[in-house]
Amino acid sequence: MEGKTETGVTIMMMAEGLDTGDMLKSASVPIGENDDFECIHDRLAK
């Protein structure tokens, strides 16, 4: 929605706050100008 050209996934330790835990590893995933939720969802899941 905010027009980002990149997102990704983060593997994190869980804490009591909302997604505030320490990070262990991350991976970036590009967002094309016509990519929709389904497309990015599937890339991020993999």
All heavy atoms as atom14 arrays in JSON, in Angstrom:
{
  "sequence": "MEGKTETGVTIMMMAEGLDTGDMLKSASVPIGENDDFECIHDRLAK",
  "atom14_mask": [
    [1, 1, 1, 1, 1, 1, 1, 1, 0, 0, 0, 0, 0, 0],
    [1, 1, 1, 1, 1, 1, 1, 1, 1, 0, 0, 0, 0, 0],
    [1, 1, 1, 1, 0, 0, 0, 0, 0, 0, 0, 0, 0, 0],
    [1, 1, 1, 1, 1, 1, 1, 1, 1, 0, 0, 0, 0, 0],
    [1, 1, 1, 1, 1, 1, 1, 0, 0, 0, 0, 0, 0, 0],
    [1, 1, 1, 1, 1, 1, 1, 1, 1, 0, 0, 0, 0, 0],
    [1, 1, 1, 1, 1, 1, 1, 0, 0, 0, 0, 0, 0, 0],
    [1, 1, 1, 1, 0, 0, 0, 0, 0, 0, 0, 0, 0, 0],
    [1, 1, 1, 1, 1, 1, 1, 0, 0, 0, 0, 0, 0, 0],
    [1, 1, 1, 1, 1, 1, 1, 0, 0, 0, 0, 0, 0, 0],
    [1, 1, 1, 1, 1, 1, 1, 1, 0, 0, 0, 0, 0, 0],
    [1, 1, 1, 1, 1, 1, 1, 1, 0, 0, 0, 0, 0, 0],
    [1, 1, 1, 1, 1, 1, 1, 1, 0, 0, 0, 0, 0, 0],
    [1, 1, 1, 1, 1, 1, 1, 1, 0, 0, 0, 0, 0, 0],
    [1, 1, 1, 1, 1, 0, 0, 0, 0, 0, 0, 0, 0, 0],
    [1, 1, 1, 1, 1, 1, 1, 1, 1, 0, 0, 0, 0, 0],
    [1, 1, 1, 1, 0, 0, 0, 0, 0, 0, 0, 0, 0, 0],
    [1, 1, 1, 1, 1, 1, 1, 1, 0, 0, 0, 0, 0, 0],
    [1, 1, 1, 1, 1, 1, 1, 1, 0, 0, 0, 0, 0, 0],
    [1, 1, 1, 1, 1, 1, 1, 0, 0, 0, 0, 0, 0, 0],
    [1, 1, 1, 1, 0, 0, 0, 0, 0, 0, 0, 0, 0, 0],
    [1, 1, 1, 1, 1, 1, 1, 1, 0, 0, 0, 0, 0, 0],
    [1, 1, 1, 1, 1, 1, 1, 1, 0, 0, 0, 0, 0, 0],
    [1, 1, 1, 1, 1, 1, 1, 1, 0, 0, 0, 0, 0, 0],
    [1, 1, 1, 1, 1, 1, 1, 1, 1, 0, 0, 0, 0, 0],
    [1, 1, 1, 1, 1, 1, 0, 0, 0, 0, 0, 0, 0, 0],
    [1, 1, 1, 1, 1, 0, 0, 0, 0, 0, 0, 0, 0, 0],
    [1, 1, 1, 1, 1, 1, 0, 0, 0, 0, 0, 0, 0, 0],
    [1, 1, 1, 1, 1, 1, 1, 0, 0, 0, 0, 0, 0, 0],
    [1, 1, 1, 1, 1, 1, 1, 0, 0, 0, 0, 0, 0, 0],
    [1, 1, 1, 1, 1, 1, 1, 1, 0, 0, 0, 0, 0, 0],
    [1, 1, 1, 1, 0, 0, 0, 0, 0, 0, 0, 0, 0, 0],
    [1, 1, 1, 1, 1, 1, 1, 1, 1, 0, 0, 0, 0, 0],
    [1, 1, 1, 1, 1, 1, 1, 1, 0, 0, 0, 0, 0, 0],
    [1, 1, 1, 1, 1, 1, 1, 1, 0, 0, 0, 0, 0, 0],
    [1, 1, 1, 1, 1, 1, 1, 1, 0, 0, 0, 0, 0, 0],
    [1, 1, 1, 1, 1, 1, 1, 1, 1, 1, 1, 0, 0, 0],
    [1, 1, 1, 1, 1, 1, 1, 1, 1, 0, 0, 0, 0, 0],
    [1, 1, 1, 1, 1, 1, 0, 0, 0, 0, 0, 0, 0, 0],
    [1, 1, 1, 1, 1, 1, 1, 1, 0, 0, 0, 0, 0, 0],
    [1, 1, 1, 1, 1, 1, 1, 1, 1, 1, 0, 0, 0, 0],
    [1, 1, 1, 1, 1, 1, 1, 1, 0, 0, 0, 0, 0, 0],
    [1, 1, 1, 1, 1, 1, 1, 1, 1, 1, 1, 0, 0, 0],
    [1, 1, 1, 1, 1, 1, 1, 1, 0, 0, 0, 0, 0, 0],
    [1, 1, 1, 1, 1, 0, 0, 0, 0, 0, 0, 0, 0, 0],
    [1, 1, 1, 1, 1, 1, 1, 1, 1, 0, 0, 0, 0, 0]
  ],
  "atom14_positions": [
    [[0.82, -1.22, 0.0], [0.0, 0.0, 0.0], [0.85, 1.26, 0.0], [0.5, 2.26, -0.63], [-0.91, 0.03, 1.23], [-2.23, -0.66, 1.07], [-3.24, -0.37, 2.53], [-4.75, -1.2, 2.05], [0.0, 0.0, 0.0], [0.0, 0.0, 0.0], [0.0, 0.0, 0.0], [0.0, 0.0, 0.0], [0.0, 0.0, 0.0], [0.0, 0.0, 0.0]],
    [[1.96, 1.22, 0.71], [2.8, 2.4, 0.84], [3.85, 2.5, -0.27], [4.75, 3.33, -0.2], [3.44, 2.41, 2.22], [2.4, 2.58, 3.33], [2.98, 2.56, 4.74], [4.23, 2.66, 4.86], [2.21, 2.47, 5.7], [0.0, 0.0, 0.0], [0.0, 0.0, 0.0], [0.0, 0.0, 0.0], [0.0, 0.0, 0.0], [0.0, 0.0, 0.0]],
    [[3.72, 1.65, -1.27], [4.57, 1.76, -2.44], [6.0, 1.32, -2.24], [6.89, 1.72, -3.0], [0.0, 0.0, 0.0], [0.0, 0.0, 0.0], [0.0, 0.0, 0.0], [0.0, 0.0, 0.0], [0.0, 0.0, 0.0], [0.0, 0.0, 0.0], [0.0, 0.0, 0.0], [0.0, 0.0, 0.0], [0.0, 0.0, 0.0], [0.0, 0.0, 0.0]],
    [[6.26, 0.46, -1.25], [7.63, 0.0, -1.02], [8.1, -0.88, -2.19], [7.3, -1.6, -2.79], [7.71, -0.8, 0.28], [7.36, 0.0, 1.53], [8.35, 1.1, 1.77], [8.05, 1.83, 3.08], [8.98, 2.95, 3.32], [0.0, 0.0, 0.0], [0.0, 0.0, 0.0], [0.0, 0.0, 0.0], [0.0, 0.0, 0.0], [0.0, 0.0, 0.0]],
    [[9.37, -0.81, -2.49], [9.94, -1.64, -3.55], [10.68, -2.85, -2.98], [11.21, -3.66, -3.74], [10.92, -0.81, -4.41], [11.94, -0.27, -3.57], [10.18, 0.32, -5.11], [0.0, 0.0, 0.0], [0.0, 0.0, 0.0], [0.0, 0.0, 0.0], [0.0, 0.0, 0.0], [0.0, 0.0, 0.0], [0.0, 0.0, 0.0], [0.0, 0.0, 0.0]],
    [[10.7, -2.95, -1.65], [11.37, -4.07, -1.0], [10.71, -4.36, 0.34], [10.28, -3.46, 1.05], [12.85, -3.75, -0.77], [13.64, -4.88, -0.11], [15.07, -4.49, 0.2], [15.27, -3.58, 1.04], [15.99, -5.07, -0.4], [0.0, 0.0, 0.0], [0.0, 0.0, 0.0], [0.0, 0.0, 0.0], [0.0, 0.0, 0.0], [0.0, 0.0, 0.0]],
    [[10.6, -5.64, 0.64], [10.18, -6.06, 1.97], [11.03, -7.29, 2.33], [12.12, -7.44, 1.81], [8.67, -6.35, 2.02], [8.29, -6.66, 3.37], [8.26, -7.49, 1.11], [0.0, 0.0, 0.0], [0.0, 0.0, 0.0], [0.0, 0.0, 0.0], [0.0, 0.0, 0.0], [0.0, 0.0, 0.0], [0.0, 0.0, 0.0], [0.0, 0.0, 0.0]],
    [[10.55, -8.14, 3.2], [11.35, -9.31, 3.54], [10.77, -10.06, 4.72], [9.62, -9.83, 5.12], [0.0, 0.0, 0.0], [0.0, 0.0, 0.0], [0.0, 0.0, 0.0], [0.0, 0.0, 0.0], [0.0, 0.0, 0.0], [0.0, 0.0, 0.0], [0.0, 0.0, 0.0], [0.0, 0.0, 0.0], [0.0, 0.0, 0.0], [0.0, 0.0, 0.0]],
    [[11.55, -10.98, 5.24], [11.16, -11.75, 6.42], [12.23, -11.62, 7.48], [13.41, -11.46, 7.17], [10.94, -13.24, 6.09], [9.69, -13.44, 5.26], [12.15, -13.83, 5.38], [0.0, 0.0, 0.0], [0.0, 0.0, 0.0], [0.0, 0.0, 0.0], [0.0, 0.0, 0.0], [0.0, 0.0, 0.0], [0.0, 0.0, 0.0], [0.0, 0.0, 0.0]],
    [[11.8, -11.69, 8.73], [12.72, -11.65, 9.86], [12.42, -12.82, 10.78], [11.26, -13.06, 11.14], [12.58, -10.34, 10.66], [12.8, -9.23, 9.78], [13.6, -10.29, 11.79], [0.0, 0.0, 0.0], [0.0, 0.0, 0.0], [0.0, 0.0, 0.0], [0.0, 0.0, 0.0], [0.0, 0.0, 0.0], [0.0, 0.0, 0.0], [0.0, 0.0, 0.0]],
    [[13.46, -13.56, 11.13], [13.34, -14.61, 12.15], [13.78, -13.97, 13.47], [14.89, -13.43, 13.55], [14.22, -15.83, 11.84], [14.03, -16.28, 10.38], [13.91, -16.96, 12.81], [12.62, -16.67, 10.02], [0.0, 0.0, 0.0], [0.0, 0.0, 0.0], [0.0, 0.0, 0.0], [0.0, 0.0, 0.0], [0.0, 0.0, 0.0], [0.0, 0.0, 0.0]],
    [[12.91, -14.0, 14.46], [13.16, -13.24, 15.68], [12.82, -14.06, 16.92], [11.99, -14.97, 16.89], [12.31, -11.97, 15.68], [10.84, -12.25, 15.49], [9.77, -10.8, 15.65], [9.76, -10.62, 17.43], [0.0, 0.0, 0.0], [0.0, 0.0, 0.0], [0.0, 0.0, 0.0], [0.0, 0.0, 0.0], [0.0, 0.0, 0.0], [0.0, 0.0, 0.0]],
    [[13.49, -13.72, 18.01], [13.1, -14.25, 19.31], [11.83, -13.52, 19.76], [11.71, -12.31, 19.57], [14.2, -14.02, 20.34], [15.52, -14.69, 20.02], [15.39, -16.49, 19.93], [14.79, -16.9, 21.57], [0.0, 0.0, 0.0], [0.0, 0.0, 0.0], [0.0, 0.0, 0.0], [0.0, 0.0, 0.0], [0.0, 0.0, 0.0], [0.0, 0.0, 0.0]],
    [[10.9, -14.24, 20.32], [9.64, -13.62, 20.72], [9.75, -13.04, 22.13], [10.35, -13.63, 23.02], [8.49, -14.62, 20.64], [8.25, -15.1, 19.22], [6.8, -16.18, 19.07], [5.47, -15.0, 19.33], [0.0, 0.0, 0.0], [0.0, 0.0, 0.0], [0.0, 0.0, 0.0], [0.0, 0.0, 0.0], [0.0, 0.0, 0.0], [0.0, 0.0, 0.0]],
    [[9.15, -11.85, 22.3], [9.09, -11.18, 23.59], [7.64, -10.78, 23.84], [6.76, -11.02, 23.01], [9.99, -9.95, 23.59], [0.0, 0.0, 0.0], [0.0, 0.0, 0.0], [0.0, 0.0, 0.0], [0.0, 0.0, 0.0], [0.0, 0.0, 0.0], [0.0, 0.0, 0.0], [0.0, 0.0, 0.0], [0.0, 0.0, 0.0], [0.0, 0.0, 0.0]],
    [[7.38, -10.16, 24.98], [6.0, -9.82, 25.33], [5.43, -8.7, 24.46], [4.23, -8.61, 24.27], [5.92, -9.43, 26.81], [6.07, -10.62, 27.76], [5.78, -10.23, 29.19], [4.6, -10.03, 29.53], [6.74, -10.13, 29.97], [0.0, 0.0, 0.0], [0.0, 0.0, 0.0], [0.0, 0.0, 0.0], [0.0, 0.0, 0.0], [0.0, 0.0, 0.0]],
    [[6.28, -7.81, 23.93], [5.79, -6.74, 23.08], [5.37, -7.25, 21.71], [5.59, -8.41, 21.34], [0.0, 0.0, 0.0], [0.0, 0.0, 0.0], [0.0, 0.0, 0.0], [0.0, 0.0, 0.0], [0.0, 0.0, 0.0], [0.0, 0.0, 0.0], [0.0, 0.0, 0.0], [0.0, 0.0, 0.0], [0.0, 0.0, 0.0], [0.0, 0.0, 0.0]],
    [[4.76, -6.38, 20.91], [4.28, -6.74, 19.58], [5.45, -6.72, 18.59], [5.9, -5.66, 18.15], [3.19, -5.75, 19.12], [2.59, -6.0, 17.74], [1.88, -7.35, 17.69], [1.63, -4.87, 17.37], [0.0, 0.0, 0.0], [0.0, 0.0, 0.0], [0.0, 0.0, 0.0], [0.0, 0.0, 0.0], [0.0, 0.0, 0.0], [0.0, 0.0, 0.0]],
    [[5.97, -7.92, 18.28], [7.08, -8.06, 17.31], [8.29, -7.23, 17.71], [8.95, -6.62, 16.87], [6.61, -7.69, 15.9], [5.48, -8.57, 15.41], [5.48, -9.76, 15.73], [4.57, -8.05, 14.72], [0.0, 0.0, 0.0], [0.0, 0.0, 0.0], [0.0, 0.0, 0.0], [0.0, 0.0, 0.0], [0.0, 0.0, 0.0], [0.0, 0.0, 0.0]],
    [[8.62, -7.24, 18.99], [9.72, -6.41, 19.5], [10.97, -7.21, 19.85], [11.97, -6.63, 20.27], [9.27, -5.63, 20.75], [8.81, -6.58, 21.74], [8.15, -4.66, 20.43], [0.0, 0.0, 0.0], [0.0, 0.0, 0.0], [0.0, 0.0, 0.0], [0.0, 0.0, 0.0], [0.0, 0.0, 0.0], [0.0, 0.0, 0.0], [0.0, 0.0, 0.0]],
    [[10.94, -8.52, 19.71], [12.04, -9.37, 20.15], [13.32, -9.19, 19.34], [13.32, -8.61, 18.25], [0.0, 0.0, 0.0], [0.0, 0.0, 0.0], [0.0, 0.0, 0.0], [0.0, 0.0, 0.0], [0.0, 0.0, 0.0], [0.0, 0.0, 0.0], [0.0, 0.0, 0.0], [0.0, 0.0, 0.0], [0.0, 0.0, 0.0], [0.0, 0.0, 0.0]],
    [[14.4, -9.73, 19.88], [15.7, -9.65, 19.2], [15.67, -10.43, 17.88], [15.05, -11.5, 17.78], [16.8, -10.23, 20.09], [17.08, -9.35, 21.3], [16.55, -8.23, 21.35], [17.82, -9.81, 22.19], [0.0, 0.0, 0.0], [0.0, 0.0, 0.0], [0.0, 0.0, 0.0], [0.0, 0.0, 0.0], [0.0, 0.0, 0.0], [0.0, 0.0, 0.0]],
    [[16.35, -9.89, 16.88], [16.37, -10.49, 15.54], [17.51, -11.5, 15.41], [18.61, -11.27, 15.92], [16.51, -9.39, 14.49], [15.39, -8.37, 14.53], [15.62, -7.04, 13.31], [17.09, -6.23, 13.96], [0.0, 0.0, 0.0], [0.0, 0.0, 0.0], [0.0, 0.0, 0.0], [0.0, 0.0, 0.0], [0.0, 0.0, 0.0], [0.0, 0.0, 0.0]],
    [[17.22, -12.6, 14.71], [18.24, -13.63, 14.48], [18.76, -13.63, 13.05], [19.95, -13.78, 12.82], [17.65, -15.01, 14.81], [17.15, -15.2, 16.25], [16.49, -16.56, 16.39], [18.3, -15.05, 17.24], [0.0, 0.0, 0.0], [0.0, 0.0, 0.0], [0.0, 0.0, 0.0], [0.0, 0.0, 0.0], [0.0, 0.0, 0.0], [0.0, 0.0, 0.0]],
    [[17.86, -13.47, 12.09], [18.27, -13.5, 10.68], [17.14, -12.89, 9.84], [15.97, -12.96, 10.23], [18.52, -14.96, 10.23], [19.44, -15.1, 9.02], [19.71, -16.58, 8.75], [20.76, -16.8, 7.68], [22.11, -16.35, 8.09], [0.0, 0.0, 0.0], [0.0, 0.0, 0.0], [0.0, 0.0, 0.0], [0.0, 0.0, 0.0], [0.0, 0.0, 0.0]],
    [[17.5, -12.31, 8.7], [16.48, -11.73, 7.82], [16.85, -11.99, 6.37], [17.99, -12.32, 6.04], [16.33, -10.23, 8.07], [17.52, -9.54, 7.77], [0.0, 0.0, 0.0], [0.0, 0.0, 0.0], [0.0, 0.0, 0.0], [0.0, 0.0, 0.0], [0.0, 0.0, 0.0], [0.0, 0.0, 0.0], [0.0, 0.0, 0.0], [0.0, 0.0, 0.0]],
    [[15.86, -11.84, 5.49], [16.07, -12.0, 4.05], [15.17, -11.01, 3.33], [14.0, -10.85, 3.68], [15.76, -13.43, 3.61], [0.0, 0.0, 0.0], [0.0, 0.0, 0.0], [0.0, 0.0, 0.0], [0.0, 0.0, 0.0], [0.0, 0.0, 0.0], [0.0, 0.0, 0.0], [0.0, 0.0, 0.0], [0.0, 0.0, 0.0], [0.0, 0.0, 0.0]],
    [[15.71, -10.35, 2.31], [14.95, -9.35, 1.56], [14.22, -9.97, 0.38], [14.69, -10.95, -0.21], [15.89, -8.25, 1.04], [16.51, -7.58, 2.12], [0.0, 0.0, 0.0], [0.0, 0.0, 0.0], [0.0, 0.0, 0.0], [0.0, 0.0, 0.0], [0.0, 0.0, 0.0], [0.0, 0.0, 0.0], [0.0, 0.0, 0.0], [0.0, 0.0, 0.0]],
    [[13.08, -9.36, 0.03], [12.28, -9.79, -1.12], [11.84, -8.53, -1.87], [11.29, -7.61, -1.27], [11.04, -10.59, -0.66], [10.08, -10.82, -1.83], [11.46, -11.93, -0.07], [0.0, 0.0, 0.0], [0.0, 0.0, 0.0], [0.0, 0.0, 0.0], [0.0, 0.0, 0.0], [0.0, 0.0, 0.0], [0.0, 0.0, 0.0], [0.0, 0.0, 0.0]],
    [[12.09, -8.45, -3.2], [11.69, -7.26, -3.96], [10.19, -7.22, -4.19], [9.52, -8.26, -4.24], [12.44, -7.42, -5.28], [12.61, -8.9, -5.43], [12.79, -9.44, -4.04], [0.0, 0.0, 0.0], [0.0, 0.0, 0.0], [0.0, 0.0, 0.0], [0.0, 0.0, 0.0], [0.0, 0.0, 0.0], [0.0, 0.0, 0.0], [0.0, 0.0, 0.0]],
    [[9.65, -6.01, -4.35], [8.25, -5.81, -4.7], [8.21, -5.07, -6.03], [8.65, -3.92, -6.13], [7.49, -4.97, -3.64], [7.58, -5.63, -2.27], [6.02, -4.79, -4.05], [6.93, -4.81, -1.16], [0.0, 0.0, 0.0], [0.0, 0.0, 0.0], [0.0, 0.0, 0.0], [0.0, 0.0, 0.0], [0.0, 0.0, 0.0], [0.0, 0.0, 0.0]],
    [[7.7, -5.71, -7.08], [7.57, -5.08, -8.38], [6.39, -4.12, -8.41], [5.49, -4.21, -7.57], [0.0, 0.0, 0.0], [0.0, 0.0, 0.0], [0.0, 0.0, 0.0], [0.0, 0.0, 0.0], [0.0, 0.0, 0.0], [0.0, 0.0, 0.0], [0.0, 0.0, 0.0], [0.0, 0.0, 0.0], [0.0, 0.0, 0.0], [0.0, 0.0, 0.0]],
    [[6.36, -3.22, -9.39], [5.33, -2.18, -9.42], [3.93, -2.73, -9.65], [2.94, -2.04, -9.36], [5.66, -1.14, -10.5], [5.71, -1.69, -11.91], [6.04, -0.6, -12.92], [5.23, 0.32, -13.07], [7.12, -0.67, -13.53], [0.0, 0.0, 0.0], [0.0, 0.0, 0.0], [0.0, 0.0, 0.0], [0.0, 0.0, 0.0], [0.0, 0.0, 0.0]],
    [[3.82, -3.96, -10.14], [2.49, -4.56, -10.34], [2.28, -5.82, -9.51], [1.27, -6.51, -9.68], [2.28, -4.87, -11.83], [2.17, -3.61, -12.66], [1.41, -2.71, -12.35], [2.96, -3.54, -13.73], [0.0, 0.0, 0.0], [0.0, 0.0, 0.0], [0.0, 0.0, 0.0], [0.0, 0.0, 0.0], [0.0, 0.0, 0.0], [0.0, 0.0, 0.0]],
    [[3.21, -6.12, -8.62], [3.04, -7.28, -7.74], [1.89, -7.05, -6.77], [1.75, -5.95, -6.21], [4.32, -7.54, -6.93], [5.44, -8.11, -7.78], [5.15, -8.69, -8.85], [6.6, -7.97, -7.38], [0.0, 0.0, 0.0], [0.0, 0.0, 0.0], [0.0, 0.0, 0.0], [0.0, 0.0, 0.0], [0.0, 0.0, 0.0], [0.0, 0.0, 0.0]],
    [[1.06, -8.08, -6.57], [-0.05, -7.94, -5.63], [0.23, -8.73, -4.35], [1.29, -9.34, -4.2], [-1.38, -8.36, -6.26], [-1.42, -9.83, -6.66], [-0.48, -10.59, -6.32], [-2.39, -10.24, -7.32], [0.0, 0.0, 0.0], [0.0, 0.0, 0.0], [0.0, 0.0, 0.0], [0.0, 0.0, 0.0], [0.0, 0.0, 0.0], [0.0, 0.0, 0.0]],
    [[-0.73, -8.69, -3.43], [-0.56, -9.36, -2.14], [-0.26, -10.84, -2.29], [0.63, -11.38, -1.64], [-1.81, -9.17, -1.29], [-1.87, -10.05, -0.07], [-1.03, -9.8, 1.01], [-2.72, -11.13, -0.01], [-1.06, -10.63, 2.13], [-2.77, -11.96, 1.1], [-1.93, -11.7, 2.17], [0.0, 0.0, 0.0], [0.0, 0.0, 0.0], [0.0, 0.0, 0.0]],
    [[-1.0, -11.51, -3.17], [-0.81, -12.95, -3.35], [0.62, -13.27, -3.78], [1.25, -14.19, -3.25], [-1.8, -13.47, -4.39], [-1.72, -14.98, -4.6], [-2.8, -15.48, -5.54], [-3.0, -14.85, -6.59], [-3.44, -16.49, -5.22], [0.0, 0.0, 0.0], [0.0, 0.0, 0.0], [0.0, 0.0, 0.0], [0.0, 0.0, 0.0], [0.0, 0.0, 0.0]],
    [[1.11, -12.5, -4.73], [2.46, -12.72, -5.25], [3.52, -12.55, -4.16], [4.39, -13.4, -3.97], [2.71, -11.75, -6.4], [4.4, -11.75, -7.03], [0.0, 0.0, 0.0], [0.0, 0.0, 0.0], [0.0, 0.0, 0.0], [0.0, 0.0, 0.0], [0.0, 0.0, 0.0], [0.0, 0.0, 0.0], [0.0, 0.0, 0.0], [0.0, 0.0, 0.0]],
    [[3.44, -11.44, -3.44], [4.44, -11.17, -2.39], [4.28, -12.13, -1.21], [5.27, -12.58, -0.62], [4.35, -9.71, -1.93], [4.58, -8.77, -3.12], [5.36, -9.41, -0.83], [5.9, -8.99, -3.85], [0.0, 0.0, 0.0], [0.0, 0.0, 0.0], [0.0, 0.0, 0.0], [0.0, 0.0, 0.0], [0.0, 0.0, 0.0], [0.0, 0.0, 0.0]],
    [[3.04, -12.46, -0.87], [2.78, -13.43, 0.19], [3.51, -14.75, -0.09], [4.18, -15.31, 0.78], [1.28, -13.67, 0.32], [0.9, -14.83, 1.18], [0.92, -16.14, 0.73], [0.48, -14.89, 2.47], [0.54, -16.94, 1.7], [0.27, -16.21, 2.77], [0.0, 0.0, 0.0], [0.0, 0.0, 0.0], [0.0, 0.0, 0.0], [0.0, 0.0, 0.0]],
    [[3.37, -15.24, -1.32], [3.98, -16.52, -1.67], [5.51, -16.44, -1.64], [6.19, -17.37, -1.19], [3.5, -16.98, -3.04], [2.01, -17.35, -3.04], [1.41, -17.4, -1.95], [1.45, -17.57, -4.13], [0.0, 0.0, 0.0], [0.0, 0.0, 0.0], [0.0, 0.0, 0.0], [0.0, 0.0, 0.0], [0.0, 0.0, 0.0], [0.0, 0.0, 0.0]],
    [[6.05, -15.33, -2.13], [7.52, -15.16, -2.09], [8.02, -15.13, -0.65], [9.04, -15.73, -0.31], [7.91, -13.87, -2.8], [7.84, -13.92, -4.3], [8.34, -12.6, -4.88], [7.87, -12.4, -6.24], [7.9, -11.24, -6.88], [8.4, -10.18, -6.27], [7.46, -11.13, -8.1], [0.0, 0.0, 0.0], [0.0, 0.0, 0.0], [0.0, 0.0, 0.0]],
    [[7.31, -14.38, 0.19], [7.73, -14.25, 1.58], [7.59, -15.58, 2.34], [8.42, -15.9, 3.19], [6.93, -13.17, 2.28], [7.26, -11.73, 1.89], [6.3, -10.75, 2.58], [8.69, -11.38, 2.26], [0.0, 0.0, 0.0], [0.0, 0.0, 0.0], [0.0, 0.0, 0.0], [0.0, 0.0, 0.0], [0.0, 0.0, 0.0], [0.0, 0.0, 0.0]],
    [[6.54, -16.33, 2.04], [6.35, -17.62, 2.71], [7.52, -18.55, 2.42], [8.05, -19.22, 3.31], [5.03, -18.25, 2.27], [0.0, 0.0, 0.0], [0.0, 0.0, 0.0], [0.0, 0.0, 0.0], [0.0, 0.0, 0.0], [0.0, 0.0, 0.0], [0.0, 0.0, 0.0], [0.0, 0.0, 0.0], [0.0, 0.0, 0.0], [0.0, 0.0, 0.0]],
    [[7.96, -18.57, 1.16], [9.1, -19.42, 0.78], [10.4, -18.9, 1.4], [11.22, -19.68, 1.9], [9.21, -19.48, -0.74], [8.06, -20.22, -1.41], [8.18, -20.17, -2.93], [7.0, -20.87, -3.59], [7.08, -20.79, -5.08], [0.0, 0.0, 0.0], [0.0, 0.0, 0.0], [0.0, 0.0, 0.0], [0.0, 0.0, 0.0], [0.0, 0.0, 0.0]]
  ]
}
